[in-house]
Amino acid sequence: MSRESIFHEIDAERKRQDVQWGVQAHPMVPADAPVLFFKKAAEYARNNCDKRATLGTASWYDILREEFYEAFAEDFPVRQREELVQVAAVALEIIESIDRAAGRKKS
């Protein structure tokens, strides 16, 4: 499948979410969450991903987890947004990888 068709699927899902939940405005992290948790989780995920990449054993889980925790470890909205774009890009690559493995033709 092409990226454009995947983007259409994502857009359709967002529209379904809007119908179900309406416009949402949640805080980035729970108010009672210890900020240090996300910073430590991001550090662990980054180190683990780097180690596995060096060994040639990195998985999509490792890569996506690293990007996810980095997004929530950021203190500023501009940096959070940059990291979330990276999360979305990795998720897109995972979808493309699944499609390649399934032998789906690009449309």
PDB file of N, CA and C in Angstrom:
ATOM      1  N   MET A   1       0.841  -1.181   0.000  1.00  0.00           N
ATOM      2  CA  MET A   1       0.000   0.000   0.000  1.00  0.00           C
ATOM      3  C   MET A   1       0.885   1.243   0.000  1.00  0.00           C
ATOM      4  N   SER A   2       0.395   2.277  -0.585  1.00  0.00           N
ATOM      5  CA  SER A   2       1.149   3.520  -0.626  1.00  0.00           C
ATOM      6  C   SER A   2       0.980   4.288   0.687  1.00  0.00           C
ATOM      7  N   ARG A   3       1.892   5.201   0.941  1.00  0.00           N
ATOM      8  CA  ARG A   3       1.760   6.049   2.126  1.00  0.00           C
ATOM      9  C   ARG A   3       0.457   6.828   2.071  1.00  0.00           C
ATOM     10  N   GLU A   4       0.105   7.279   0.887  1.00  0.00           N
ATOM     11  CA  GLU A   4      -1.128   8.047   0.744  1.00  0.00           C
ATOM     12  C   GLU A   4      -2.334   7.225   1.206  1.00  0.00           C
ATOM     13  N   SER A   5      -2.375   5.952   0.857  1.00  0.00           N
ATOM     14  CA  SER A   5      -3.505   5.123   1.282  1.00  0.00           C
ATOM     15  C   SER A   5      -3.478   4.881   2.789  1.00  0.00           C
ATOM     16  N   ILE A   6      -2.270   4.771   3.347  1.00  0.00           N
ATOM     17  CA  ILE A   6      -2.155   4.616   4.804  1.00  0.00           C
ATOM     18  C   ILE A   6      -2.621   5.898   5.489  1.00  0.00           C
ATOM     19  N   PHE A   7      -2.223   7.059   4.947  1.00  0.00           N
ATOM     20  CA  PHE A   7      -2.682   8.336   5.505  1.00  0.00           C
ATOM     21  C   PHE A   7      -4.202   8.434   5.458  1.00  0.00           C
ATOM     22  N   HIS A   8      -4.801   7.918   4.389  1.00  0.00           N
ATOM     23  CA  HIS A   8      -6.266   7.918   4.301  1.00  0.00           C
ATOM     24  C   HIS A   8      -6.875   7.045   5.408  1.00  0.00           C
ATOM     25  N   GLU A   9      -6.254   5.907   5.673  1.00  0.00           N
ATOM     26  CA  GLU A   9      -6.728   5.037   6.762  1.00  0.00           C
ATOM     27  C   GLU A   9      -6.616   5.752   8.104  1.00  0.00           C
ATOM     28  N   ILE A  10      -5.500   6.426   8.321  1.00  0.00           N
ATOM     29  CA  ILE A  10      -5.292   7.154   9.575  1.00  0.00           C
ATOM     30  C   ILE A  10      -6.316   8.274   9.703  1.00  0.00           C
ATOM     31  N   ASP A  11      -6.540   9.003   8.620  1.00  0.00           N
ATOM     32  CA  ASP A  11      -7.529  10.076   8.628  1.00  0.00           C
ATOM     33  C   ASP A  11      -8.923   9.529   8.929  1.00  0.00           C
ATOM     34  N   ALA A  12      -9.263   8.408   8.338  1.00  0.00           N
ATOM     35  CA  ALA A  12     -10.577   7.802   8.593  1.00  0.00           C
ATOM     36  C   ALA A  12     -10.704   7.400  10.066  1.00  0.00           C
ATOM     37  N   GLU A  13      -9.633   6.877  10.637  1.00  0.00           N
ATOM     38  CA  GLU A  13      -9.656   6.499  12.052  1.00  0.00           C
ATOM     39  C   GLU A  13      -9.821   7.721  12.936  1.00  0.00           C
ATOM     40  N   ARG A  14      -9.114   8.806  12.604  1.00  0.00           N
ATOM     41  CA  ARG A  14      -9.256  10.049  13.388  1.00  0.00           C
ATOM     42  C   ARG A  14     -10.682  10.569  13.318  1.00  0.00           C
ATOM     43  N   LYS A  15     -11.296  10.473  12.165  1.00  0.00           N
ATOM     44  CA  LYS A  15     -12.686  10.913  12.018  1.00  0.00           C
ATOM     45  C   LYS A  15     -13.613  10.056  12.881  1.00  0.00           C
ATOM     46  N   ARG A  16     -13.368   8.735  12.916  1.00  0.00           N
ATOM     47  CA  ARG A  16     -14.166   7.850  13.782  1.00  0.00           C
ATOM     48  C   ARG A  16     -13.988   8.238  15.251  1.00  0.00           C
ATOM     49  N   GLN A  17     -12.751   8.549  15.640  1.00  0.00           N
ATOM     50  CA  GLN A  17     -12.485   8.960  17.021  1.00  0.00           C
ATOM     51  C   GLN A  17     -13.209  10.255  17.357  1.00  0.00           C
ATOM     52  N   ASP A  18     -13.198  11.204  16.432  1.00  0.00           N
ATOM     53  CA  ASP A  18     -13.897  12.477  16.662  1.00  0.00           C
ATOM     54  C   ASP A  18     -15.392  12.272  16.831  1.00  0.00           C
ATOM     55  N   VAL A  19     -15.954  11.381  16.028  1.00  0.00           N
ATOM     56  CA  VAL A  19     -17.388  11.092  16.153  1.00  0.00           C
ATOM     57  C   VAL A  19     -17.670  10.454  17.509  1.00  0.00           C
ATOM     58  N   GLN A  20     -16.828   9.519  17.895  1.00  0.00           N
ATOM     59  CA  GLN A  20     -17.046   8.799  19.158  1.00  0.00           C
ATOM     60  C   GLN A  20     -16.788   9.674  20.377  1.00  0.00           C
ATOM     61  N   TRP A  21     -15.701  10.436  20.365  1.00  0.00           N
ATOM     62  CA  TRP A  21     -15.256  11.130  21.566  1.00  0.00           C
ATOM     63  C   TRP A  21     -15.364  12.650  21.488  1.00  0.00           C
ATOM     64  N   GLY A  22     -15.574  13.192  20.303  1.00  0.00           N
ATOM     65  CA  GLY A  22     -15.568  14.645  20.152  1.00  0.00           C
ATOM     66  C   GLY A  22     -14.141  15.159  20.216  1.00  0.00           C
ATOM     67  N   VAL A  23     -14.007  16.468  20.212  1.00  0.00           N
ATOM     68  CA  VAL A  23     -12.675  17.079  20.312  1.00  0.00           C
ATOM     69  C   VAL A  23     -12.150  16.820  21.718  1.00  0.00           C
ATOM     70  N   GLN A  24     -10.931  16.313  21.792  1.00  0.00           N
ATOM     71  CA  GLN A  24     -10.347  15.976  23.087  1.00  0.00           C
ATOM     72  C   GLN A  24      -9.225  16.945  23.431  1.00  0.00           C
ATOM     73  N   ALA A  25      -9.102  17.231  24.703  1.00  0.00           N
ATOM     74  CA  ALA A  25      -8.038  18.119  25.177  1.00  0.00           C
ATOM     75  C   ALA A  25      -7.550  17.606  26.526  1.00  0.00           C
ATOM     76  N   HIS A  26      -6.643  16.637  26.460  1.00  0.00           N
ATOM     77  CA  HIS A  26      -6.101  16.023  27.676  1.00  0.00           C
ATOM     78  C   HIS A  26      -4.718  16.602  27.973  1.00  0.00           C
ATOM     79  N   PRO A  27      -4.301  16.554  29.218  1.00  0.00           N
ATOM     80  CA  PRO A  27      -2.912  16.937  29.519  1.00  0.00           C
ATOM     81  C   PRO A  27      -1.970  15.883  28.931  1.00  0.00           C
ATOM     82  N   MET A  28      -0.737  16.273  28.690  1.00  0.00           N
ATOM     83  CA  MET A  28       0.242  15.314  28.135  1.00  0.00           C
ATOM     84  C   MET A  28       0.482  14.139  29.079  1.00  0.00           C
ATOM     85  N   VAL A  29       0.574  14.425  30.366  1.00  0.00           N
ATOM     86  CA  VAL A  29       0.803  13.364  31.356  1.00  0.00           C
ATOM     87  C   VAL A  29      -0.159  13.588  32.516  1.00  0.00           C
ATOM     88  N   PRO A  30      -0.471  12.539  33.268  1.00  0.00           N
ATOM     89  CA  PRO A  30      -1.333  12.725  34.427  1.00  0.00           C
ATOM     90  C   PRO A  30      -0.737  13.728  35.408  1.00  0.00           C
ATOM     91  N   ALA A  31      -1.585  14.524  36.011  1.00  0.00           N
ATOM     92  CA  ALA A  31      -1.125  15.561  36.944  1.00  0.00           C
ATOM     93  C   ALA A  31      -0.339  14.967  38.108  1.00  0.00           C
ATOM     94  N   ASP A  32      -0.665  13.748  38.500  1.00  0.00           N
ATOM     95  CA  ASP A  32       0.012  13.141  39.643  1.00  0.00           C
ATOM     96  C   ASP A  32       1.203  12.256  39.234  1.00  0.00           C
ATOM     97  N   ALA A  33       1.555  12.275  37.944  1.00  0.00           N
ATOM     98  CA  ALA A  33       2.676  11.448  37.483  1.00  0.00           C
ATOM     99  C   ALA A  33       3.996  12.111  37.858  1.00  0.00           C
ATOM    100  N   PRO A  34       4.910  11.335  38.405  1.00  0.00           N
ATOM    101  CA  PRO A  34       6.221  11.911  38.711  1.00  0.00           C
ATOM    102  C   PRO A  34       6.981  12.176  37.412  1.00  0.00           C
ATOM    103  N   VAL A  35       7.368  13.427  37.190  1.00  0.00           N
ATOM    104  CA  VAL A  35       8.039  13.836  35.956  1.00  0.00           C
ATOM    105  C   VAL A  35       9.291  12.998  35.715  1.00  0.00           C
ATOM    106  N   LEU A  36       9.986  12.698  36.775  1.00  0.00           N
ATOM    107  CA  LEU A  36      11.221  11.937  36.652  1.00  0.00           C
ATOM    108  C   LEU A  36      10.981  10.561  36.038  1.00  0.00           C
ATOM    109  N   PHE A  37       9.795   9.986  36.251  1.00  0.00           N
ATOM    110  CA  PHE A  37       9.468   8.670  35.683  1.00  0.00           C
ATOM    111  C   PHE A  37       9.669   8.669  34.175  1.00  0.00           C
ATOM    112  N   PHE A  38       9.123   9.669  33.494  1.00  0.00           N
ATOM    113  CA  PHE A  38       9.192   9.711  32.036  1.00  0.00           C
ATOM    114  C   PHE A  38      10.622   9.937  31.553  1.00  0.00           C
ATOM    115  N   LYS A  39      11.370  10.749  32.274  1.00  0.00           N
ATOM    116  CA  LYS A  39      12.762  10.989  31.895  1.00  0.00           C
ATOM    117  C   LYS A  39      13.593   9.715  32.067  1.00  0.00           C
ATOM    118  N   LYS A  40      13.371   8.998  33.161  1.00  0.00           N
ATOM    119  CA  LYS A  40      14.095   7.738  33.400  1.00  0.00           C
ATOM    120  C   LYS A  40      13.656   6.665  32.397  1.00  0.00           C
ATOM    121  N   ALA A  41      12.359   6.609  32.117  1.00  0.00           N
ATOM    122  CA  ALA A  41      11.855   5.635  31.151  1.00  0.00           C
ATOM    123  C   ALA A  41      12.432   5.910  29.763  1.00  0.00           C
ATOM    124  N   ALA A  42      12.524   7.188  29.390  1.00  0.00           N
ATOM    125  CA  ALA A  42      13.097   7.551  28.091  1.00  0.00           C
ATOM    126  C   ALA A  42      14.571   7.168  28.026  1.00  0.00           C
ATOM    127  N   GLU A  43      15.287   7.431  29.101  1.00  0.00           N
ATOM    128  CA  GLU A  43      16.712   7.084  29.151  1.00  0.00           C
ATOM    129  C   GLU A  43      16.902   5.573  29.034  1.00  0.00           C
ATOM    130  N   TYR A  44      16.100   4.813  29.779  1.00  0.00           N
ATOM    131  CA  TYR A  44      16.187   3.348  29.716  1.00  0.00           C
ATOM    132  C   TYR A  44      15.863   2.856  28.303  1.00  0.00           C
ATOM    133  N   ALA A  45      14.764   3.368  27.734  1.00  0.00           N
ATOM    134  CA  ALA A  45      14.347   2.928  26.399  1.00  0.00           C
ATOM    135  C   ALA A  45      15.405   3.260  25.352  1.00  0.00           C
ATOM    136  N   ARG A  46      15.987   4.453  25.450  1.00  0.00           N
ATOM    137  CA  ARG A  46      17.025   4.879  24.497  1.00  0.00           C
ATOM    138  C   ARG A  46      18.254   3.976  24.618  1.00  0.00           C
ATOM    139  N   ASN A  47      18.706   3.740  25.856  1.00  0.00           N
ATOM    140  CA  ASN A  47      19.884   2.894  26.069  1.00  0.00           C
ATOM    141  C   ASN A  47      19.629   1.471  25.598  1.00  0.00           C
ATOM    142  N   ASN A  48      18.441   0.958  25.904  1.00  0.00           N
ATOM    143  CA  ASN A  48      18.088  -0.404  25.503  1.00  0.00           C
ATOM    144  C   ASN A  48      18.032  -0.517  23.976  1.00  0.00           C
ATOM    145  N   CYS A  49      17.419   0.465  23.340  1.00  0.00           N
ATOM    146  CA  CYS A  49      17.298   0.454  21.880  1.00  0.00           C
ATOM    147  C   CYS A  49      18.681   0.551  21.232  1.00  0.00           C
ATOM    148  N   ASP A  50      19.513   1.445  21.752  1.00  0.00           N
ATOM    149  CA  ASP A  50      20.872   1.587  21.217  1.00  0.00           C
ATOM    150  C   ASP A  50      21.655   0.281  21.365  1.00  0.00           C
ATOM    151  N   LYS A  51      21.525  -0.350  22.529  1.00  0.00           N
ATOM    152  CA  LYS A  51      22.235  -1.612  22.778  1.00  0.00           C
ATOM    153  C   LYS A  51      21.768  -2.683  21.798  1.00  0.00           C
ATOM    154  N   ARG A  52      20.445  -2.810  21.643  1.00  0.00           N
ATOM    155  CA  ARG A  52      19.921  -3.824  20.723  1.00  0.00           C
ATOM    156  C   ARG A  52      20.287  -3.508  19.270  1.00  0.00           C
ATOM    157  N   ALA A  53      20.304  -2.224  18.916  1.00  0.00           N
ATOM    158  CA  ALA A  53      20.685  -1.844  17.552  1.00  0.00           C
ATOM    159  C   ALA A  53      22.139  -2.236  17.293  1.00  0.00           C
ATOM    160  N   THR A  54      22.999  -2.013  18.275  1.00  0.00           N
ATOM    161  CA  THR A  54      24.404  -2.391  18.151  1.00  0.00           C
ATOM    162  C   THR A  54      24.550  -3.898  17.957  1.00  0.00           C
ATOM    163  N   LEU A  55      23.705  -4.657  18.655  1.00  0.00           N
ATOM    164  CA  LEU A  55      23.750  -6.116  18.551  1.00  0.00           C
ATOM    165  C   LEU A  55      23.002  -6.642  17.326  1.00  0.00           C
ATOM    166  N   GLY A  56      22.285  -5.759  16.647  1.00  0.00           N
ATOM    167  CA  GLY A  56      21.492  -6.181  15.492  1.00  0.00           C
ATOM    168  C   GLY A  56      20.202  -6.873  15.868  1.00  0.00           C
ATOM    169  N   THR A  57      19.707  -6.608  17.094  1.00  0.00           N
ATOM    170  CA  THR A  57      18.494  -7.287  17.566  1.00  0.00           C
ATOM    171  C   THR A  57      17.358  -6.317  17.891  1.00  0.00           C
ATOM    172  N   ALA A  58      17.471  -5.065  17.447  1.00  0.00           N
ATOM    173  CA  ALA A  58      16.419  -4.082  17.740  1.00  0.00           C
ATOM    174  C   ALA A  58      15.108  -4.510  17.088  1.00  0.00           C
ATOM    175  N   SER A  59      14.030  -4.299  17.808  1.00  0.00           N
ATOM    176  CA  SER A  59      12.695  -4.613  17.289  1.00  0.00           C
ATOM    177  C   SER A  59      11.913  -3.318  17.122  1.00  0.00           C
ATOM    178  N   TRP A  60      10.797  -3.412  16.408  1.00  0.00           N
ATOM    179  CA  TRP A  60       9.926  -2.235  16.287  1.00  0.00           C
ATOM    180  C   TRP A  60       9.473  -1.781  17.666  1.00  0.00           C
ATOM    181  N   TYR A  61       9.235  -2.722  18.562  1.00  0.00           N
ATOM    182  CA  TYR A  61       8.833  -2.378  19.928  1.00  0.00           C
ATOM    183  C   TYR A  61       9.887  -1.491  20.585  1.00  0.00           C
ATOM    184  N   ASP A  62      11.159  -1.879  20.468  1.00  0.00           N
ATOM    185  CA  ASP A  62      12.245  -1.103  21.068  1.00  0.00           C
ATOM    186  C   ASP A  62      12.276   0.320  20.510  1.00  0.00           C
ATOM    187  N   ILE A  63      12.161   0.427  19.197  1.00  0.00           N
ATOM    188  CA  ILE A  63      12.261   1.723  18.530  1.00  0.00           C
ATOM    189  C   ILE A  63      11.065   2.610  18.874  1.00  0.00           C
ATOM    190  N   LEU A  64       9.861   2.047  18.791  1.00  0.00           N
ATOM    191  CA  LEU A  64       8.662   2.833  19.083  1.00  0.00           C
ATOM    192  C   LEU A  64       8.599   3.218  20.562  1.00  0.00           C
ATOM    193  N   ARG A  65       8.995   2.304  21.436  1.00  0.00           N
ATOM    194  CA  ARG A  65       9.003   2.611  22.872  1.00  0.00           C
ATOM    195  C   ARG A  65       9.953   3.767  23.173  1.00  0.00           C
ATOM    196  N   GLU A  66      11.122   3.760  22.538  1.00  0.00           N
ATOM    197  CA  GLU A  66      12.071   4.857  22.744  1.00  0.00           C
ATOM    198  C   GLU A  66      11.445   6.188  22.333  1.00  0.00           C
ATOM    199  N   GLU A  67      10.866   6.241  21.149  1.00  0.00           N
ATOM    200  CA  GLU A  67      10.269   7.489  20.669  1.00  0.00           C
ATOM    201  C   GLU A  67       9.096   7.923  21.547  1.00  0.00           C
ATOM    202  N   PHE A  68       8.284   6.977  21.967  1.00  0.00           N
ATOM    203  CA  PHE A  68       7.129   7.263  22.813  1.00  0.00           C
ATOM    204  C   PHE A  68       7.565   7.919  24.127  1.00  0.00           C
ATOM    205  N   TYR A  69       8.500   7.287  24.815  1.00  0.00           N
ATOM    206  CA  TYR A  69       8.931   7.836  26.097  1.00  0.00           C
ATOM    207  C   TYR A  69       9.680   9.150  25.941  1.00  0.00           C
ATOM    208  N   GLU A  70      10.415   9.309  24.850  1.00  0.00           N
ATOM    209  CA  GLU A  70      11.079  10.592  24.627  1.00  0.00           C
ATOM    210  C   GLU A  70      10.047  11.714  24.480  1.00  0.00           C
ATOM    211  N   ALA A  71       8.937  11.429  23.825  1.00  0.00           N
ATOM    212  CA  ALA A  71       7.891  12.446  23.657  1.00  0.00           C
ATOM    213  C   ALA A  71       7.333  12.887  25.002  1.00  0.00           C
ATOM    214  N   PHE A  72       7.083  11.942  25.877  1.00  0.00           N
ATOM    215  CA  PHE A  72       6.477  12.284  27.162  1.00  0.00           C
ATOM    216  C   PHE A  72       7.495  12.779  28.191  1.00  0.00           C
ATOM    217  N   ALA A  73       8.770  12.609  27.895  1.00  0.00           N
ATOM    218  CA  ALA A  73       9.812  13.124  28.782  1.00  0.00           C
ATOM    219  C   ALA A  73      10.114  14.593  28.511  1.00  0.00           C
ATOM    220  N   GLU A  74       9.662  15.096  27.372  1.00  0.00           N
ATOM    221  CA  GLU A  74       9.930  16.494  27.026  1.00  0.00           C
ATOM    222  C   GLU A  74       9.089  17.440  27.874  1.00  0.00           C
ATOM    223  N   ASP A  75       9.658  18.596  28.166  1.00  0.00           N
ATOM    224  CA  ASP A  75       8.980  19.585  28.999  1.00  0.00           C
ATOM    225  C   ASP A  75       8.260  20.661  28.194  1.00  0.00           C
ATOM    226  N   PHE A  76       8.627  20.831  26.937  1.00  0.00           N
ATOM    227  CA  PHE A  76       8.094  21.935  26.149  1.00  0.00           C
ATOM    228  C   PHE A  76       7.247  21.416  24.994  1.00  0.00           C
ATOM    229  N   PRO A  77       6.099  22.044  24.748  1.00  0.00           N
ATOM    230  CA  PRO A  77       5.200  21.595  23.681  1.00  0.00           C
ATOM    231  C   PRO A  77       5.861  21.484  22.309  1.00  0.00           C
ATOM    232  N   VAL A  78       6.746  22.393  21.961  1.00  0.00           N
ATOM    233  CA  VAL A  78       7.400  22.327  20.648  1.00  0.00           C
ATOM    234  C   VAL A  78       8.222  21.045  20.533  1.00  0.00           C
ATOM    235  N   ARG A  79       8.955  20.702  21.584  1.00  0.00           N
ATOM    236  CA  ARG A  79       9.763  19.468  21.578  1.00  0.00           C
ATOM    237  C   ARG A  79       8.866  18.234  21.658  1.00  0.00           C
ATOM    238  N   GLN A  80       7.787  18.310  22.441  1.00  0.00           N
ATOM    239  CA  GLN A  80       6.844  17.190  22.502  1.00  0.00           C
ATOM    240  C   GLN A  80       6.297  16.894  21.106  1.00  0.00           C
ATOM    241  N   ARG A  81       5.921  17.970  20.404  1.00  0.00           N
ATOM    242  CA  ARG A  81       5.379  17.809  19.059  1.00  0.00           C
ATOM    243  C   ARG A  81       6.412  17.175  18.133  1.00  0.00           C
ATOM    244  N   GLU A  82       7.654  17.642  18.194  1.00  0.00           N
ATOM    245  CA  GLU A  82       8.715  17.062  17.362  1.00  0.00           C
ATOM    246  C   GLU A  82       8.868  15.571  17.634  1.00  0.00           C
ATOM    247  N   GLU A  83       8.849  15.205  18.895  1.00  0.00           N
ATOM    248  CA  GLU A  83       8.987  13.791  19.254  1.00  0.00           C
ATOM    249  C   GLU A  83       7.772  12.982  18.808  1.00  0.00           C
ATOM    250  N   LEU A  84       6.587  13.559  18.917  1.00  0.00           N
ATOM    251  CA  LEU A  84       5.382  12.846  18.485  1.00  0.00           C
ATOM    252  C   LEU A  84       5.352  12.652  16.973  1.00  0.00           C
ATOM    253  N   VAL A  85       5.935  13.586  16.231  1.00  0.00           N
ATOM    254  CA  VAL A  85       6.080  13.377  14.783  1.00  0.00           C
ATOM    255  C   VAL A  85       6.974  12.158  14.545  1.00  0.00           C
ATOM    256  N   GLN A  86       8.012  12.013  15.363  1.00  0.00           N
ATOM    257  CA  GLN A  86       8.881  10.839  15.242  1.00  0.00           C
ATOM    258  C   GLN A  86       8.114   9.567  15.590  1.00  0.00           C
ATOM    259  N   VAL A  87       7.260   9.620  16.612  1.00  0.00           N
ATOM    260  CA  VAL A  87       6.413   8.466  16.956  1.00  0.00           C
ATOM    261  C   VAL A  87       5.550   8.082  15.755  1.00  0.00           C
ATOM    262  N   ALA A  88       4.912   9.084  15.151  1.00  0.00           N
ATOM    263  CA  ALA A  88       4.040   8.827  13.997  1.00  0.00           C
ATOM    264  C   ALA A  88       4.841   8.259  12.825  1.00  0.00           C
ATOM    265  N   ALA A  89       6.051   8.779  12.604  1.00  0.00           N
ATOM    266  CA  ALA A  89       6.880   8.290  11.499  1.00  0.00           C
ATOM    267  C   ALA A  89       7.285   6.835  11.716  1.00  0.00           C
ATOM    268  N   VAL A  90       7.640   6.489  12.950  1.00  0.00           N
ATOM    269  CA  VAL A  90       7.996   5.095  13.242  1.00  0.00           C
ATOM    270  C   VAL A  90       6.767   4.202  13.079  1.00  0.00           C
ATOM    271  N   ALA A  91       5.606   4.657  13.570  1.00  0.00           N
ATOM    272  CA  ALA A  91       4.384   3.865  13.404  1.00  0.00           C
ATOM    273  C   ALA A  91       4.084   3.646  11.925  1.00  0.00           C
ATOM    274  N   LEU A  92       4.259   4.678  11.111  1.00  0.00           N
ATOM    275  CA  LEU A  92       4.052   4.552   9.672  1.00  0.00           C
ATOM    276  C   LEU A  92       5.013   3.521   9.078  1.00  0.00           C
ATOM    277  N   GLU A  93       6.273   3.573   9.470  1.00  0.00           N
ATOM    278  CA  GLU A  93       7.242   2.605   8.960  1.00  0.00           C
ATOM    279  C   GLU A  93       6.874   1.184   9.382  1.00  0.00           C
ATOM    280  N   ILE A  94       6.350   1.019  10.591  1.00  0.00           N
ATOM    281  CA  ILE A  94       5.928  -0.316  11.035  1.00  0.00           C
ATOM    282  C   ILE A  94       4.787  -0.812  10.147  1.00  0.00           C
ATOM    283  N   ILE A  95       3.817   0.045   9.863  1.00  0.00           N
ATOM    284  CA  ILE A  95       2.701  -0.329   8.983  1.00  0.00           C
ATOM    285  C   ILE A  95       3.239  -0.714   7.606  1.00  0.00           C
ATOM    286  N   GLU A  96       4.166   0.100   7.081  1.00  0.00           N
ATOM    287  CA  GLU A  96       4.753  -0.218   5.769  1.00  0.00           C
ATOM    288  C   GLU A  96       5.502  -1.551   5.814  1.00  0.00           C
ATOM    289  N   SER A  97       6.192  -1.823   6.906  1.00  0.00           N
ATOM    290  CA  SER A  97       6.910  -3.085   7.057  1.00  0.00           C
ATOM    291  C   SER A  97       5.945  -4.271   7.070  1.00  0.00           C
ATOM    292  N   ILE A  98       4.828  -4.101   7.784  1.00  0.00           N
ATOM    293  CA  ILE A  98       3.802  -5.163   7.823  1.00  0.00           C
ATOM    294  C   ILE A  98       3.265  -5.401   6.416  1.00  0.00           C
ATOM    295  N   ASP A  99       2.975  -4.310   5.711  1.00  0.00           N
ATOM    296  CA  ASP A  99       2.454  -4.434   4.342  1.00  0.00           C
ATOM    297  C   ASP A  99       3.467  -5.111   3.414  1.00  0.00           C
ATOM    298  N   ARG A 100       4.751  -4.745   3.548  1.00  0.00           N
ATOM    299  CA  ARG A 100       5.782  -5.395   2.707  1.00  0.00           C
ATOM    300  C   ARG A 100       5.844  -6.887   3.005  1.00  0.00           C
ATOM    301  N   ALA A 101       5.821  -7.229   4.286  1.00  0.00           N
ATOM    302  CA  ALA A 101       5.898  -8.632   4.679  1.00  0.00           C
ATOM    303  C   ALA A 101       4.704  -9.436   4.175  1.00  0.00           C
ATOM    304  N   ALA A 102       3.556  -8.756   4.093  1.00  0.00           N
ATOM    305  CA  ALA A 102       2.344  -9.422   3.620  1.00  0.00           C
ATOM    306  C   ALA A 102       2.289  -9.457   2.092  1.00  0.00           C
ATOM    307  N   GLY A 103       3.271  -8.799   1.454  1.00  0.00           N
ATOM    308  CA  GLY A 103       3.309  -8.788   0.005  1.00  0.00           C
ATOM    309  C   GLY A 103       2.270  -7.907  -0.634  1.00  0.00           C
ATOM    310  N   ARG A 104       1.784  -6.930   0.132  1.00  0.00           N
ATOM    311  CA  ARG A 104       0.786  -6.019  -0.430  1.00  0.00           C
ATOM    312  C   ARG A 104       1.439  -5.151  -1.478  1.00  0.00           C
ATOM    313  N   LYS A 105       0.740  -4.988  -2.571  1.00  0.00           N
ATOM    314  CA  LYS A 105       1.250  -4.144  -3.651  1.00  0.00           C
ATOM    315  C   LYS A 105       0.934  -2.694  -3.377  1.00  0.00           C
ATOM    316  N   LYS A 106       1.858  -1.834  -3.799  1.00  0.00           N
ATOM    317  CA  LYS A 106       1.601  -0.389  -3.677  1.00  0.00           C
ATOM    318  C   LYS A 106       0.508  -0.016  -4.660  1.00  0.00           C
ATOM    319  N   SER A 107      -0.400   0.829  -4.171  1.00  0.00           N
ATOM    320  CA  SER A 107      -1.482   1.270  -5.059  1.00  0.00           C
ATOM    321  C   SER A 107      -1.328   2.726  -5.382  1.00  0.00           C
TER     322      SER A 107
END
